[in-house]
């Protein structure tokens, strides 16, 4: 169970992360960018996305038991870890 306030906050953060994934996809598909530059840009975007995911995981850990049910928090954190870049 998640409070309405937390749900709204989490959805906003997840939408932002989704937008970064969409931008990353567009960069990868762009043929006008040279390969070397594209690799650097993609790597930077991946790092940025991972940082955003890490911040969201920390937020979920802090709110576990308060605004987010501990079981739900664990599942959310597991799912977020899954989508991170290695």
Protein backbone atom coordinates (compact mmCIF):
# COMPACT_ATOMS: atom_id res chain seq x y z
CA UNK A 1 0.00 0.00 0.00
CA UNK A 2 1.22 3.46 -0.91
CA UNK A 3 -0.26 6.76 0.22
CA UNK A 4 -1.71 9.04 -2.46
CA UNK A 5 1.04 11.60 -1.90
CA UNK A 6 3.77 8.99 -2.28
CA UNK A 7 2.10 7.48 -5.32
CA UNK A 8 2.02 10.87 -7.02
CA UNK A 9 5.67 11.53 -6.13
CA UNK A 10 6.82 8.11 -7.36
CA UNK A 11 4.86 8.38 -10.60
CA UNK A 12 6.39 11.80 -11.33
CA UNK A 13 9.91 10.46 -10.75
CA UNK A 14 9.24 7.37 -12.86
CA UNK A 15 7.83 9.47 -15.71
CA UNK A 16 10.98 11.58 -15.63
CA UNK A 17 13.16 8.47 -15.80
CA UNK A 18 11.03 7.18 -18.66
CA UNK A 19 11.63 10.43 -20.56
CA UNK A 20 15.40 9.93 -20.13
CA UNK A 21 15.07 6.41 -21.54
CA UNK A 22 13.13 7.80 -24.52
CA UNK A 23 15.79 10.44 -25.16
CA UNK A 24 18.50 7.81 -24.91
CA UNK A 25 16.68 5.70 -27.48
CA UNK A 26 16.45 8.65 -29.87
CA UNK A 27 20.15 9.34 -29.49
CA UNK A 28 21.00 5.70 -30.22
CA UNK A 29 18.83 5.78 -33.35
CA UNK A 30 20.25 9.08 -34.61
CA UNK A 31 22.51 8.38 -37.56
CA UNK A 32 23.79 11.95 -37.80
CA UNK A 33 25.86 11.62 -34.63
CA UNK A 34 29.29 10.07 -35.10
CA UNK A 35 29.85 6.72 -33.39
CA UNK A 36 32.54 7.91 -30.99
CA UNK A 37 30.49 10.89 -29.83
CA UNK A 38 27.35 8.77 -29.66
CA UNK A 39 29.07 6.26 -27.36
CA UNK A 40 30.11 9.03 -24.98
CA UNK A 41 26.64 10.58 -24.98
CA UNK A 42 24.96 7.21 -24.43
CA UNK A 43 27.32 6.39 -21.57
CA UNK A 44 26.64 9.77 -19.95
CA UNK A 45 22.88 9.29 -20.29
CA UNK A 46 23.12 5.81 -18.80
CA UNK A 47 25.07 7.17 -15.81
CA UNK A 48 22.51 9.93 -15.37
CA UNK A 49 19.62 7.45 -15.49
CA UNK A 50 21.37 5.20 -12.96
CA UNK A 51 21.84 8.16 -10.60
CA UNK A 52 18.15 9.05 -10.89
CA UNK A 53 17.21 5.44 -10.16
CA UNK A 54 19.59 5.34 -7.16
CA UNK A 55 18.03 8.51 -5.76
CA UNK A 56 14.57 7.04 -6.16
CA UNK A 57 15.65 3.82 -4.43
CA UNK A 58 17.03 5.83 -1.49
CA UNK A 59 13.76 7.75 -1.29
CA UNK A 60 11.80 4.48 -1.23
CA UNK A 61 14.08 3.12 1.51
CA UNK A 62 13.48 6.23 3.63
CA UNK A 63 9.71 6.07 3.11
CA UNK A 64 9.44 2.31 3.68
CA UNK A 65 7.08 1.80 6.60
CA UNK A 66 5.88 5.40 6.57
CA UNK A 67 4.23 6.17 3.24
CA UNK A 68 5.09 2.90 1.51
CA UNK A 69 4.39 -0.63 2.72
CA UNK A 70 7.72 -2.46 3.35
CA UNK A 71 6.81 -5.35 1.01
CA UNK A 72 5.84 -2.92 -1.73
CA UNK A 73 9.03 -0.95 -1.14
CA UNK A 74 11.16 -4.08 -1.51
CA UNK A 75 9.46 -5.03 -4.76
CA UNK A 76 9.82 -1.49 -6.14
CA UNK A 77 13.51 -1.38 -5.27
CA UNK A 78 14.06 -4.81 -6.86
CA UNK A 79 12.31 -3.68 -10.04
CA UNK A 80 14.30 -0.44 -10.18
CA UNK A 81 17.58 -2.33 -9.75
CA UNK A 82 16.56 -4.52 -12.68
CA UNK A 83 16.21 -1.58 -15.10
CA UNK A 84 19.56 -0.01 -14.18
CA UNK A 85 22.43 -0.13 -16.65
CA UNK A 86 25.38 -2.27 -15.63
